[in-house]
Amino acid sequence: MVVENKDQETIDEQEHTTLDEEATTETTVEEEEVVENEDENKYKELEDRYLRLQADYSNFRRRSTEEKARMHAMGMEKLAMDILPVLDNFERALMVDDVQDENFYKGMEMIADQFRSELAKNDIVEIDALNQAFDPNLHHAVVMEEKEGVEENTVIDVLQKGYRLGDRVIRPSMVKVSK
């Protein structure tokens, strides 16, 4: 009986050891799953942060490009507004009927043409107004006058040329309009 008890105790110990090993194995598997879940969560968090950072950088680049374009357009508009009166004066000077020095006059014409050409290269163009229908978005009516043979609200004279920068009017044409 004593031998049987010892055998039974040995079997019980082996079963207990086996149960302990299984419990330890289960604990280790559970711990590994917890570590994998933590690693997966950290990965997802880092990936999310990376994607957000990438989106923020993309937005920053877009905003910077837009801001740069806006600043360029503002600079072009300011420069045009400062230079257009000079062109107006050149054109007034060229309207003189009594030309005493033909070469001087041709030189002035060349300068005015070059001036217009450089403005056109920079997308600053004259607004065509004469004999056009009056458009308050493009024209500034200074005088209204009746004129036979001309439809009502037609520009009959341009007192000061208007200009646009691209699609934007930077200076409306000052015009005389028919009644």
Protein backbone atom coordinates (compact mmCIF):
# COMPACT_ATOMS: atom_id res chain seq x y z
CA MET A 1 0.00 0.00 0.00
CA VAL A 2 2.76 2.27 0.72
CA VAL A 3 4.11 1.66 -2.74
CA GLU A 4 0.73 2.30 -4.20
CA ASN A 5 0.44 5.56 -2.29
CA LYS A 6 3.85 6.59 -3.50
CA ASP A 7 2.91 5.77 -7.06
CA GLN A 8 -0.34 7.64 -6.63
CA GLU A 9 1.55 10.61 -5.19
CA THR A 10 4.02 10.49 -8.08
CA ILE A 11 1.14 10.40 -10.56
CA ASP A 12 -0.57 13.25 -8.70
CA GLU A 13 2.67 15.26 -8.75
CA GLN A 14 3.12 14.60 -12.47
CA GLU A 15 -0.44 15.65 -13.16
CA HIS A 16 0.04 18.71 -10.96
CA THR A 17 3.31 19.52 -12.80
CA THR A 18 1.58 19.00 -16.15
CA LEU A 19 -1.26 21.27 -15.04
CA ASP A 20 1.25 23.87 -13.87
CA GLU A 21 3.08 23.67 -17.21
CA GLU A 22 -0.21 24.00 -19.10
CA ALA A 23 -1.18 26.97 -16.93
CA THR A 24 2.24 28.49 -17.51
CA THR A 25 1.91 27.86 -21.26
CA GLU A 26 -1.57 29.42 -21.28
CA THR A 27 -0.23 32.39 -19.33
CA THR A 28 2.66 32.76 -21.76
CA VAL A 29 0.30 32.58 -24.76
CA GLU A 30 -1.98 35.16 -23.15
CA GLU A 31 1.00 37.39 -22.40
CA GLU A 32 2.21 37.05 -26.00
CA GLU A 33 -1.27 37.98 -27.26
CA VAL A 34 -1.31 41.02 -24.97
CA VAL A 35 2.16 42.05 -26.21
CA GLU A 36 1.04 41.50 -29.85
CA ASN A 37 -2.08 43.61 -29.25
CA GLU A 38 0.02 46.35 -27.65
CA ASP A 39 2.48 46.22 -30.56
CA GLU A 40 -0.38 46.29 -33.06
CA ASN A 41 -1.96 49.27 -31.26
CA LYS A 42 1.38 51.11 -31.22
CA TYR A 43 1.82 50.36 -34.92
CA LYS A 44 -1.67 51.63 -35.73
CA GLU A 45 -1.08 54.75 -33.63
CA LEU A 46 2.25 55.46 -35.33
CA GLU A 47 0.74 54.84 -38.74
CA ASP A 48 -2.13 57.21 -37.93
CA ARG A 49 0.32 59.88 -36.73
CA TYR A 50 2.38 59.40 -39.88
CA LEU A 51 -0.65 59.78 -42.15
CA ARG A 52 -1.81 62.89 -40.28
CA LEU A 53 1.66 64.39 -40.48
CA GLN A 54 1.78 63.64 -44.19
CA ALA A 55 -1.64 65.30 -44.69
CA ASP A 56 -0.55 68.33 -42.63
CA TYR A 57 2.58 68.69 -44.75
CA SER A 58 0.59 68.38 -47.95
CA ASN A 59 -1.83 71.08 -46.74
CA PHE A 60 1.10 73.28 -45.72
CA ARG A 61 2.65 72.98 -49.19
CA ARG A 62 -0.68 73.78 -50.88
CA ARG A 63 -1.29 76.80 -48.63
CA SER A 64 2.27 78.04 -49.18
CA THR A 65 1.89 77.76 -52.94
CA GLU A 66 -1.45 79.59 -52.85
CA GLU A 67 0.00 82.29 -50.59
CA LYS A 68 2.98 82.72 -52.89
CA ALA A 69 0.67 83.08 -55.91
CA ARG A 70 -1.49 85.61 -54.04
CA MET A 71 1.54 87.65 -53.03
CA HIS A 72 2.86 87.59 -56.59
CA ALA A 73 -0.51 88.75 -57.95
CA MET A 74 -0.68 91.53 -55.35
CA GLY A 75 2.82 92.67 -56.28
CA MET A 76 1.97 92.61 -59.98
CA GLU A 77 -1.20 94.60 -59.36
CA LYS A 78 0.62 97.22 -57.29
CA LEU A 79 3.36 97.55 -59.87
CA ALA A 80 0.80 97.87 -62.68
CA MET A 81 -1.14 100.53 -60.79
CA ASP A 82 2.08 102.49 -60.29
CA ILE A 83 3.20 102.16 -63.94
CA LEU A 84 -0.08 102.66 -65.82
CA PRO A 85 -0.13 106.45 -65.27
CA VAL A 86 3.30 106.61 -66.95
CA LEU A 87 1.91 104.77 -69.99
CA ASP A 88 -1.08 107.12 -69.99
CA ASN A 89 1.30 110.08 -70.16
CA PHE A 90 3.27 108.49 -73.01
CA GLU A 91 0.05 108.01 -74.97
CA ARG A 92 -1.03 111.61 -74.30
CA ALA A 93 2.34 112.84 -75.49
CA LEU A 94 1.96 110.80 -78.69
CA MET A 95 -1.42 112.44 -79.45
CA VAL A 96 0.29 115.74 -80.27
CA ASP A 97 -0.63 116.97 -83.75
CA ASP A 98 2.40 119.19 -84.32
CA VAL A 99 5.45 116.92 -84.44
CA GLN A 100 8.62 118.98 -84.77
CA ASP A 101 11.16 116.16 -84.56
CA GLU A 102 10.01 113.00 -86.38
CA ASN A 103 12.85 110.84 -84.96
CA PHE A 104 12.06 111.87 -81.41
CA TYR A 105 8.39 111.05 -82.02
CA LYS A 106 9.25 107.60 -83.45
CA GLY A 107 11.48 106.94 -80.43
CA MET A 108 8.62 107.80 -78.09
CA GLU A 109 6.29 105.48 -80.07
CA MET A 110 8.83 102.67 -79.77
CA ILE A 111 9.08 103.17 -76.02
CA ALA A 112 5.29 103.16 -75.65
CA ASP A 113 5.01 100.00 -77.80
CA GLN A 114 7.69 98.28 -75.75
CA PHE A 115 5.87 99.35 -72.60
CA ARG A 116 2.58 97.80 -73.85
CA SER A 117 4.41 94.66 -74.96
CA GLU A 118 6.01 94.15 -71.55
CA LEU A 119 2.68 94.66 -69.81
CA ALA A 120 1.08 92.07 -72.13
CA LYS A 121 3.88 89.59 -71.36
CA ASN A 122 2.92 89.91 -67.71
CA ASP A 123 -0.78 89.33 -68.47
CA ILE A 124 -1.72 93.00 -68.05
CA VAL A 125 -3.98 93.86 -70.97
CA GLU A 126 -6.08 96.82 -72.03
CA ILE A 127 -9.86 96.54 -71.71
CA ASP A 128 -11.47 97.05 -75.11
CA ALA A 129 -14.19 99.62 -74.46
CA LEU A 130 -14.87 101.83 -77.50
CA ASN A 131 -18.18 101.01 -79.24
CA GLN A 132 -18.84 98.22 -76.72
CA ALA A 133 -21.94 97.84 -74.59
CA PHE A 134 -21.47 99.52 -71.22
CA ASP A 135 -20.48 96.98 -68.55
CA PRO A 136 -20.25 98.33 -64.99
CA ASN A 137 -17.77 95.55 -64.18
CA LEU A 138 -15.34 96.86 -66.80
CA HIS A 139 -16.26 100.51 -67.29
CA HIS A 140 -16.69 103.56 -65.11
CA ALA A 141 -19.18 105.92 -66.74
CA VAL A 142 -18.10 109.51 -66.22
CA VAL A 143 -20.30 111.23 -68.81
CA MET A 144 -23.60 110.33 -70.47
CA GLU A 145 -24.35 112.01 -73.76
CA GLU A 146 -26.97 111.65 -76.48
CA LYS A 147 -25.54 110.71 -79.84
CA GLU A 148 -27.54 109.96 -82.97
CA GLY A 149 -27.06 106.62 -84.66
CA VAL A 150 -25.66 104.97 -81.54
CA GLU A 151 -27.53 102.52 -79.36
CA GLU A 152 -28.28 103.43 -75.78
CA ASN A 153 -25.64 102.35 -73.19
CA THR A 154 -22.85 102.12 -75.74
CA VAL A 155 -19.39 103.47 -74.99
CA ILE A 156 -18.83 106.39 -77.36
CA ASP A 157 -15.49 107.65 -76.00
CA VAL A 158 -12.73 106.35 -73.72
CA LEU A 159 -11.38 109.03 -71.41
CA GLN A 160 -8.89 106.74 -69.65
CA LYS A 161 -8.01 103.20 -70.67
CA GLY A 162 -8.82 100.38 -68.33
CA TYR A 163 -6.66 97.31 -67.70
CA ARG A 164 -6.97 93.81 -66.36
CA LEU A 165 -4.46 91.52 -64.78
CA GLY A 166 -5.49 88.08 -65.97
CA ASP A 167 -9.24 87.90 -65.36
CA ARG A 168 -9.24 90.61 -62.71
CA VAL A 169 -9.97 94.25 -63.51
CA ILE A 170 -7.27 96.38 -61.91
CA ARG A 171 -8.46 99.67 -63.38
CA PRO A 172 -11.84 100.14 -65.06
CA SER A 173 -12.04 102.20 -68.24
CA MET A 174 -13.33 105.74 -67.69
CA VAL A 175 -15.85 106.20 -70.48
CA LYS A 176 -18.48 108.41 -72.05
CA VAL A 177 -21.75 106.50 -72.60
CA SER A 178 -24.63 107.21 -74.95
CA LYS A 179 -28.09 107.90 -73.53
